[in-house]
PDB file of N, CA and C in Angstrom:
ATOM      1  N   ILE A   1      13.794 -10.231  18.355  1.00  0.00           N
ATOM      2  CA  ILE A   1      12.458  -9.653  18.346  1.00  0.00           C
ATOM      3  C   ILE A   1      11.408 -10.738  18.419  1.00  0.00           C
ATOM      4  N   LYS A   2      11.608 -11.808  17.637  1.00  0.00           N
ATOM      5  CA  LYS A   2      10.617 -12.879  17.636  1.00  0.00           C
ATOM      6  C   LYS A   2      10.500 -13.492  19.028  1.00  0.00           C
ATOM      7  N   GLU A   3      11.647 -13.628  19.726  1.00  0.00           N
ATOM      8  CA  GLU A   3      11.601 -14.180  21.087  1.00  0.00           C
ATOM      9  C   GLU A   3      10.780 -13.270  22.018  1.00  0.00           C
ATOM     10  N   PHE A   4      10.937 -11.958  21.873  1.00  0.00           N
ATOM     11  CA  PHE A   4      10.153 -11.025  22.655  1.00  0.00           C
ATOM     12  C   PHE A   4       8.665 -11.225  22.439  1.00  0.00           C
ATOM     13  N   PHE A   5       8.287 -11.379  21.163  1.00  0.00           N
ATOM     14  CA  PHE A   5       6.897 -11.611  20.847  1.00  0.00           C
ATOM     15  C   PHE A   5       6.379 -12.902  21.468  1.00  0.00           C
ATOM     16  N   ILE A   6       7.202 -13.932  21.459  1.00  0.00           N
ATOM     17  CA  ILE A   6       6.821 -15.214  22.023  1.00  0.00           C
ATOM     18  C   ILE A   6       6.661 -15.093  23.545  1.00  0.00           C
ATOM     19  N   VAL A   7       7.644 -14.493  24.193  1.00  0.00           N
ATOM     20  CA  VAL A   7       7.601 -14.323  25.653  1.00  0.00           C
ATOM     21  C   VAL A   7       6.386 -13.521  26.093  1.00  0.00           C
ATOM     22  N   LYS A   8       6.099 -12.421  25.371  1.00  0.00           N
ATOM     23  CA  LYS A   8       5.001 -11.560  25.710  1.00  0.00           C
ATOM     24  C   LYS A   8       3.645 -12.052  25.166  1.00  0.00           C
ATOM     25  N   LYS A   9       3.694 -13.175  24.433  1.00  0.00           N
ATOM     26  CA  LYS A   9       2.489 -13.760  23.843  1.00  0.00           C
ATOM     27  C   LYS A   9       1.795 -12.788  22.891  1.00  0.00           C
ATOM     28  N   ILE A  10       2.625 -12.139  22.108  1.00  0.00           N
ATOM     29  CA  ILE A  10       2.122 -11.200  21.074  1.00  0.00           C
ATOM     30  C   ILE A  10       2.182 -11.899  19.751  1.00  0.00           C
ATOM     31  N   ARG A  11       1.088 -11.899  19.025  1.00  0.00           N
ATOM     32  CA  ARG A  11       1.078 -12.541  17.709  1.00  0.00           C
ATOM     33  C   ARG A  11       1.929 -11.725  16.735  1.00  0.00           C
ATOM     34  N   PHE A  12       2.770 -12.423  16.004  1.00  0.00           N
ATOM     35  CA  PHE A  12       3.604 -11.749  15.012  1.00  0.00           C
ATOM     36  C   PHE A  12       2.750 -11.358  13.814  1.00  0.00           C
ATOM     37  N   TRP A  13       2.892 -10.130  13.387  1.00  0.00           N
ATOM     38  CA  TRP A  13       2.139  -9.613  12.246  1.00  0.00           C
ATOM     39  C   TRP A  13       3.141  -8.968  11.300  1.00  0.00           C
ATOM     40  N   PRO A  14       3.319  -9.500  10.121  1.00  0.00           N
ATOM     41  CA  PRO A  14       4.312  -8.945   9.218  1.00  0.00           C
ATOM     42  C   PRO A  14       4.055  -7.461   8.951  1.00  0.00           C
ATOM     43  N   SER A  15       5.084  -6.660   9.024  1.00  0.00           N
ATOM     44  CA  SER A  15       4.945  -5.217   8.842  1.00  0.00           C
ATOM     45  C   SER A  15       4.619  -4.854   7.404  1.00  0.00           C
ATOM     46  N   GLN A  16       4.856  -5.761   6.500  1.00  0.00           N
ATOM     47  CA  GLN A  16       4.645  -5.448   5.096  1.00  0.00           C
ATOM     48  C   GLN A  16       3.543  -6.305   4.497  1.00  0.00           C
ATOM     49  N   SER A  17       2.526  -6.595   5.274  1.00  0.00           N
ATOM     50  CA  SER A  17       1.414  -7.387   4.785  1.00  0.00           C
ATOM     51  C   SER A  17       0.757  -6.618   3.635  1.00  0.00           C
ATOM     52  N   PRO A  18       0.770  -7.149   2.416  1.00  0.00           N
ATOM     53  CA  PRO A  18       0.217  -6.412   1.273  1.00  0.00           C
ATOM     54  C   PRO A  18      -1.271  -6.139   1.430  1.00  0.00           C
ATOM     55  N   ASP A  19      -1.984  -6.975   2.151  1.00  0.00           N
ATOM     56  CA  ASP A  19      -3.434  -6.722   2.307  1.00  0.00           C
ATOM     57  C   ASP A  19      -3.711  -5.529   3.171  1.00  0.00           C
ATOM     58  N   LEU A  20      -2.752  -5.125   4.009  1.00  0.00           N
ATOM     59  CA  LEU A  20      -2.948  -3.990   4.889  1.00  0.00           C
ATOM     60  C   LEU A  20      -2.109  -2.769   4.474  1.00  0.00           C
ATOM     61  N   ASN A  21      -1.435  -2.890   3.377  1.00  0.00           N
ATOM     62  CA  ASN A  21      -0.534  -1.845   2.945  1.00  0.00           C
ATOM     63  C   ASN A  21      -1.151  -1.135   1.737  1.00  0.00           C
ATOM     64  N   SER A  22      -2.142  -0.320   2.006  1.00  0.00           N
ATOM     65  CA  SER A  22      -2.908   0.301   0.904  1.00  0.00           C
ATOM     66  C   SER A  22      -2.083   1.306   0.105  1.00  0.00           C
ATOM     67  N   ILE A  23      -0.939   1.756   0.638  1.00  0.00           N
ATOM     68  CA  ILE A  23      -0.102   2.653  -0.132  1.00  0.00           C
ATOM     69  C   ILE A  23       0.395   1.944  -1.395  1.00  0.00           C
ATOM     70  N   GLU A  24       0.481   0.625  -1.346  1.00  0.00           N
ATOM     71  CA  GLU A  24       0.918  -0.128  -2.532  1.00  0.00           C
ATOM     72  C   GLU A  24      -0.026   0.087  -3.730  1.00  0.00           C
ATOM     73  N   ASP A  25      -1.305   0.246  -3.423  1.00  0.00           N
ATOM     74  CA  ASP A  25      -2.285   0.520  -4.483  1.00  0.00           C
ATOM     75  C   ASP A  25      -1.955   1.853  -5.169  1.00  0.00           C
ATOM     76  N   LEU A  26      -1.558   2.829  -4.377  1.00  0.00           N
ATOM     77  CA  LEU A  26      -1.213   4.154  -4.923  1.00  0.00           C
ATOM     78  C   LEU A  26       0.087   4.096  -5.696  1.00  0.00           C
ATOM     79  N   TRP A  27       1.087   3.341  -5.159  1.00  0.00           N
ATOM     80  CA  TRP A  27       2.338   3.219  -5.905  1.00  0.00           C
ATOM     81  C   TRP A  27       2.082   2.587  -7.273  1.00  0.00           C
ATOM     82  N   GLN A  28       1.215   1.575  -7.306  1.00  0.00           N
ATOM     83  CA  GLN A  28       0.901   0.921  -8.577  1.00  0.00           C
ATOM     84  C   GLN A  28       0.266   1.907  -9.533  1.00  0.00           C
ATOM     85  N   GLU A  29      -0.628   2.736  -9.032  1.00  0.00           N
ATOM     86  CA  GLU A  29      -1.271   3.744  -9.872  1.00  0.00           C
ATOM     87  C   GLU A  29      -0.247   4.720 -10.420  1.00  0.00           C
ATOM     88  N   LEU A  30       0.693   5.135  -9.544  1.00  0.00           N
ATOM     89  CA  LEU A  30       1.735   6.052 -10.023  1.00  0.00           C
ATOM     90  C   LEU A  30       2.610   5.401 -11.092  1.00  0.00           C
ATOM     91  N   LYS A  31       2.933   4.136 -10.914  1.00  0.00           N
ATOM     92  CA  LYS A  31       3.709   3.406 -11.919  1.00  0.00           C
ATOM     93  C   LYS A  31       2.971   3.394 -13.255  1.00  0.00           C
ATOM     94  N   LEU A  32       1.675   3.169 -13.209  1.00  0.00           N
ATOM     95  CA  LEU A  32       0.876   3.136 -14.445  1.00  0.00           C
ATOM     96  C   LEU A  32       0.854   4.485 -15.110  1.00  0.00           C
ATOM     97  N   ARG A  33       0.784   5.546 -14.299  1.00  0.00           N
ATOM     98  CA  ARG A  33       0.692   6.902 -14.846  1.00  0.00           C
ATOM     99  C   ARG A  33       2.009   7.406 -15.402  1.00  0.00           C
ATOM    100  N   THR A  34       3.111   6.903 -14.871  1.00  0.00           N
ATOM    101  CA  THR A  34       4.432   7.425 -15.295  1.00  0.00           C
ATOM    102  C   THR A  34       5.233   6.406 -16.096  1.00  0.00           C
ATOM    103  N   GLY A  35       4.897   5.147 -16.027  1.00  0.00           N
ATOM    104  CA  GLY A  35       5.719   4.107 -16.609  1.00  0.00           C
ATOM    105  C   GLY A  35       5.809   4.080 -18.130  1.00  0.00           C
ATOM    106  N   ASN A  36       4.791   4.525 -18.818  1.00  0.00           N
ATOM    107  CA  ASN A  36       4.789   4.477 -20.261  1.00  0.00           C
ATOM    108  C   ASN A  36       5.367   5.718 -20.922  1.00  0.00           C
ATOM    109  N   LYS A  37       5.775   6.680 -20.099  1.00  0.00           N
ATOM    110  CA  LYS A  37       6.321   7.916 -20.633  1.00  0.00           C
ATOM    111  C   LYS A  37       7.841   7.805 -20.770  1.00  0.00           C
ATOM    112  N   LYS A  38       8.386   8.524 -21.730  1.00  0.00           N
ATOM    113  CA  LYS A  38       9.839   8.577 -21.901  1.00  0.00           C
ATOM    114  C   LYS A  38      10.385   9.734 -21.089  1.00  0.00           C
ATOM    115  N   HIS A  39      11.137   9.430 -20.061  1.00  0.00           N
ATOM    116  CA  HIS A  39      11.769  10.468 -19.251  1.00  0.00           C
ATOM    117  C   HIS A  39      13.245  10.478 -19.597  1.00  0.00           C
ATOM    118  N   SER A  40      13.761  11.667 -19.868  1.00  0.00           N
ATOM    119  CA  SER A  40      15.170  11.755 -20.331  1.00  0.00           C
ATOM    120  C   SER A  40      16.182  11.673 -19.177  1.00  0.00           C
ATOM    121  N   ASN A  41      15.715  11.907 -17.938  1.00  0.00           N
ATOM    122  CA  ASN A  41      16.635  11.788 -16.791  1.00  0.00           C
ATOM    123  C   ASN A  41      15.835  11.607 -15.520  1.00  0.00           C
ATOM    124  N   LYS A  42      16.544  11.399 -14.434  1.00  0.00           N
ATOM    125  CA  LYS A  42      15.876  11.149 -13.133  1.00  0.00           C
ATOM    126  C   LYS A  42      15.101  12.357 -12.678  1.00  0.00           C
ATOM    127  N   ALA A  43      15.617  13.553 -12.913  1.00  0.00           N
ATOM    128  CA  ALA A  43      14.919  14.779 -12.495  1.00  0.00           C
ATOM    129  C   ALA A  43      13.566  14.895 -13.204  1.00  0.00           C
ATOM    130  N   GLU A  44      13.542  14.583 -14.481  1.00  0.00           N
ATOM    131  CA  GLU A  44      12.279  14.641 -15.230  1.00  0.00           C
ATOM    132  C   GLU A  44      11.296  13.595 -14.715  1.00  0.00           C
ATOM    133  N   LEU A  45      11.783  12.407 -14.437  1.00  0.00           N
ATOM    134  CA  LEU A  45      10.933  11.350 -13.871  1.00  0.00           C
ATOM    135  C   LEU A  45      10.378  11.786 -12.524  1.00  0.00           C
ATOM    136  N   TRP A  46      11.259  12.326 -11.659  1.00  0.00           N
ATOM    137  CA  TRP A  46      10.811  12.752 -10.333  1.00  0.00           C
ATOM    138  C   TRP A  46       9.758  13.860 -10.440  1.00  0.00           C
ATOM    139  N   GLN A  47       9.948  14.785 -11.359  1.00  0.00           N
ATOM    140  CA  GLN A  47       8.962  15.846 -11.552  1.00  0.00           C
ATOM    141  C   GLN A  47       7.614  15.266 -11.999  1.00  0.00           C
ATOM    142  N   ASP A  48       7.667  14.302 -12.901  1.00  0.00           N
ATOM    143  CA  ASP A  48       6.434  13.651 -13.351  1.00  0.00           C
ATOM    144  C   ASP A  48       5.737  12.900 -12.221  1.00  0.00           C
ATOM    145  N   VAL A  49       6.521  12.187 -11.400  1.00  0.00           N
ATOM    146  CA  VAL A  49       5.940  11.476 -10.253  1.00  0.00           C
ATOM    147  C   VAL A  49       5.263  12.445  -9.333  1.00  0.00           C
ATOM    148  N   GLN A  50       5.888  13.586  -9.051  1.00  0.00           N
ATOM    149  CA  GLN A  50       5.298  14.577  -8.172  1.00  0.00           C
ATOM    150  C   GLN A  50       3.983  15.135  -8.745  1.00  0.00           C
ATOM    151  N   ILE A  51       3.990  15.394 -10.021  1.00  0.00           N
ATOM    152  CA  ILE A  51       2.788  15.896 -10.705  1.00  0.00           C
ATOM    153  C   ILE A  51       1.659  14.846 -10.622  1.00  0.00           C
ATOM    154  N   GLN A  52       2.005  13.601 -10.916  1.00  0.00           N
ATOM    155  CA  GLN A  52       0.983  12.548 -10.900  1.00  0.00           C
ATOM    156  C   GLN A  52       0.477  12.309  -9.482  1.00  0.00           C
ATOM    157  N   TRP A  53       1.351  12.432  -8.505  1.00  0.00           N
ATOM    158  CA  TRP A  53       0.921  12.285  -7.099  1.00  0.00           C
ATOM    159  C   TRP A  53      -0.098  13.363  -6.759  1.00  0.00           C
ATOM    160  N   GLN A  54       0.167  14.591  -7.146  1.00  0.00           N
ATOM    161  CA  GLN A  54      -0.769  15.684  -6.893  1.00  0.00           C
ATOM    162  C   GLN A  54      -2.087  15.485  -7.605  1.00  0.00           C
ATOM    163  N   ASN A  55      -2.058  14.775  -8.735  1.00  0.00           N
ATOM    164  CA  ASN A  55      -3.270  14.548  -9.517  1.00  0.00           C
ATOM    165  C   ASN A  55      -4.038  13.292  -9.174  1.00  0.00           C
ATOM    166  N   LEU A  56      -3.555  12.529  -8.179  1.00  0.00           N
ATOM    167  CA  LEU A  56      -4.338  11.363  -7.763  1.00  0.00           C
ATOM    168  C   LEU A  56      -5.679  11.848  -7.224  1.00  0.00           C
ATOM    169  N   PRO A  57      -6.750  11.244  -7.677  1.00  0.00           N
ATOM    170  CA  PRO A  57      -8.085  11.668  -7.222  1.00  0.00           C
ATOM    171  C   PRO A  57      -8.235  11.479  -5.709  1.00  0.00           C
ATOM    172  N   GLN A  58      -8.728  12.515  -5.054  1.00  0.00           N
ATOM    173  CA  GLN A  58      -8.912  12.440  -3.610  1.00  0.00           C
ATOM    174  C   GLN A  58      -9.882  11.333  -3.214  1.00  0.00           C
ATOM    175  N   ASP A  59     -10.880  11.065  -4.048  1.00  0.00           N
ATOM    176  CA  ASP A  59     -11.816  10.006  -3.714  1.00  0.00           C
ATOM    177  C   ASP A  59     -11.141   8.635  -3.731  1.00  0.00           C
ATOM    178  N   ARG A  60     -10.132   8.463  -4.563  1.00  0.00           N
ATOM    179  CA  ARG A  60      -9.365   7.214  -4.607  1.00  0.00           C
ATOM    180  C   ARG A  60      -8.647   7.035  -3.264  1.00  0.00           C
ATOM    181  N   ILE A  61      -8.026   8.081  -2.776  1.00  0.00           N
ATOM    182  CA  ILE A  61      -7.306   8.021  -1.519  1.00  0.00           C
ATOM    183  C   ILE A  61      -8.313   7.822  -0.367  1.00  0.00           C
ATOM    184  N   SER A  62      -9.399   8.528  -0.396  1.00  0.00           N
ATOM    185  CA  SER A  62     -10.421   8.376   0.647  1.00  0.00           C
ATOM    186  C   SER A  62     -11.007   6.969   0.678  1.00  0.00           C
ATOM    187  N   ASN A  63     -11.212   6.385  -0.488  1.00  0.00           N
ATOM    188  CA  ASN A  63     -11.723   5.018  -0.566  1.00  0.00           C
ATOM    189  C   ASN A  63     -10.723   4.006   0.005  1.00  0.00           C
ATOM    190  N   LEU A  64      -9.459   4.227  -0.246  1.00  0.00           N
ATOM    191  CA  LEU A  64      -8.454   3.338   0.322  1.00  0.00           C
ATOM    192  C   LEU A  64      -8.428   3.449   1.846  1.00  0.00           C
ATOM    193  N   ILE A  65      -8.516   4.652   2.360  1.00  0.00           N
ATOM    194  CA  ILE A  65      -8.557   4.848   3.823  1.00  0.00           C
ATOM    195  C   ILE A  65      -9.826   4.182   4.378  1.00  0.00           C
ATOM    196  N   ALA A  66     -10.954   4.401   3.731  1.00  0.00           N
ATOM    197  CA  ALA A  66     -12.202   3.821   4.216  1.00  0.00           C
ATOM    198  C   ALA A  66     -12.211   2.291   4.149  1.00  0.00           C
ATOM    199  N   SER A  67     -11.349   1.704   3.303  1.00  0.00           N
ATOM    200  CA  SER A  67     -11.325   0.254   3.146  1.00  0.00           C
ATOM    201  C   SER A  67     -10.546  -0.438   4.289  1.00  0.00           C
ATOM    202  N   MET A  68      -9.835   0.329   5.115  1.00  0.00           N
ATOM    203  CA  MET A  68      -9.013  -0.293   6.122  1.00  0.00           C
ATOM    204  C   MET A  68      -9.763  -1.188   7.108  1.00  0.00           C
ATOM    205  N   PRO A  69     -10.920  -0.783   7.636  1.00  0.00           N
ATOM    206  CA  PRO A  69     -11.652  -1.711   8.513  1.00  0.00           C
ATOM    207  C   PRO A  69     -12.014  -3.019   7.810  1.00  0.00           C
ATOM    208  N   ARG A  70     -12.432  -2.942   6.554  1.00  0.00           N
ATOM    209  CA  ARG A  70     -12.754  -4.163   5.789  1.00  0.00           C
ATOM    210  C   ARG A  70     -11.494  -5.007   5.574  1.00  0.00           C
ATOM    211  N   ARG A  71     -10.397  -4.364   5.254  1.00  0.00           N
ATOM    212  CA  ARG A  71      -9.141  -5.081   5.061  1.00  0.00           C
ATOM    213  C   ARG A  71      -8.713  -5.796   6.315  1.00  0.00           C
ATOM    214  N   CYS A  72      -8.786  -5.101   7.439  1.00  0.00           N
ATOM    215  CA  CYS A  72      -8.420  -5.711   8.744  1.00  0.00           C
ATOM    216  C   CYS A  72      -9.323  -6.874   9.062  1.00  0.00           C
ATOM    217  N   ALA A  73     -10.610  -6.708   8.845  1.00  0.00           N
ATOM    218  CA  ALA A  73     -11.579  -7.790   9.109  1.00  0.00           C
ATOM    219  C   ALA A  73     -11.277  -9.000   8.226  1.00  0.00           C
ATOM    220  N   ALA A  74     -10.947  -8.751   6.962  1.00  0.00           N
ATOM    221  CA  ALA A  74     -10.650  -9.851   6.030  1.00  0.00           C
ATOM    222  C   ALA A  74      -9.363 -10.593   6.444  1.00  0.00           C
ATOM    223  N   VAL A  75      -8.354  -9.844   6.846  1.00  0.00           N
ATOM    224  CA  VAL A  75      -7.100 -10.494   7.272  1.00  0.00           C
ATOM    225  C   VAL A  75      -7.363 -11.343   8.527  1.00  0.00           C
ATOM    226  N   ILE A  76      -8.135 -10.815   9.455  1.00  0.00           N
ATOM    227  CA  ILE A  76      -8.482 -11.576  10.671  1.00  0.00           C
ATOM    228  C   ILE A  76      -9.282 -12.816  10.291  1.00  0.00           C
ATOM    229  N   ALA A  77     -10.271 -12.651   9.449  1.00  0.00           N
ATOM    230  CA  ALA A  77     -11.120 -13.798   9.052  1.00  0.00           C
ATOM    231  C   ALA A  77     -10.316 -14.875   8.355  1.00  0.00           C
ATOM    232  N   TYR A  78      -9.301 -14.461   7.562  1.00  0.00           N
ATOM    233  CA  TYR A  78      -8.480 -15.430   6.828  1.00  0.00           C
ATOM    234  C   TYR A  78      -7.254 -15.828   7.604  1.00  0.00           C
ATOM    235  N   LYS A  79      -7.206 -15.442   8.892  1.00  0.00           N
ATOM    236  CA  LYS A  79      -6.112 -15.800   9.803  1.00  0.00           C
ATOM    237  C   LYS A  79      -4.746 -15.445   9.206  1.00  0.00           C
ATOM    238  N   GLY A  80      -4.686 -14.233   8.624  1.00  0.00           N
ATOM    239  CA  GLY A  80      -3.416 -13.739   8.095  1.00  0.00           C
ATOM    240  C   GLY A  80      -3.084 -14.209   6.683  1.00  0.00           C
ATOM    241  N   MET A  81      -3.902 -15.047   6.125  1.00  0.00           N
ATOM    242  CA  MET A  81      -3.633 -15.534   4.763  1.00  0.00           C
ATOM    243  C   MET A  81      -4.067 -14.465   3.759  1.00  0.00           C
ATOM    244  N   THR A  82      -3.748 -14.699   2.504  1.00  0.00           N
ATOM    245  CA  THR A  82      -4.062 -13.746   1.451  1.00  0.00           C
ATOM    246  C   THR A  82      -5.550 -13.504   1.331  1.00  0.00           C
ATOM    247  N   THR A  83      -5.923 -12.237   1.118  1.00  0.00           N
ATOM    248  CA  THR A  83      -7.343 -11.857   0.906  1.00  0.00           C
ATOM    249  C   THR A  83      -7.461 -11.248  -0.458  1.00  0.00           C
ATOM    250  N   LYS A  84      -8.653 -10.778  -0.770  1.00  0.00           N
ATOM    251  CA  LYS A  84      -8.880 -10.131  -2.085  1.00  0.00           C
ATOM    252  C   LYS A  84      -8.169  -8.779  -2.219  1.00  0.00           C
ATOM    253  N   TYR A  85      -7.701  -8.239  -1.100  1.00  0.00           N
ATOM    254  CA  TYR A  85      -7.027  -6.966  -1.141  1.00  0.00           C
ATOM    255  C   TYR A  85      -5.574  -7.113  -1.497  1.00  0.00           C
TER     256      TYR A  85
END
């Protein structure tokens, strides 16, 4: 794959760039919401995760979506290096 990118002169961009992976912010929030609770089994944990997912504030999700142009601009400005995101 890397050779293909080189031949086609396509810049390699890691698929898991944390600065552009805003879902990670939501996973972190879910961990905080479910991590301190005592779950007796996997089914109970899964049920709690689903409940917490449904209860994530829509404005939080909307803000993450709205932040994508700023995130992209920051990654470009920092030439792919770590940003504040």
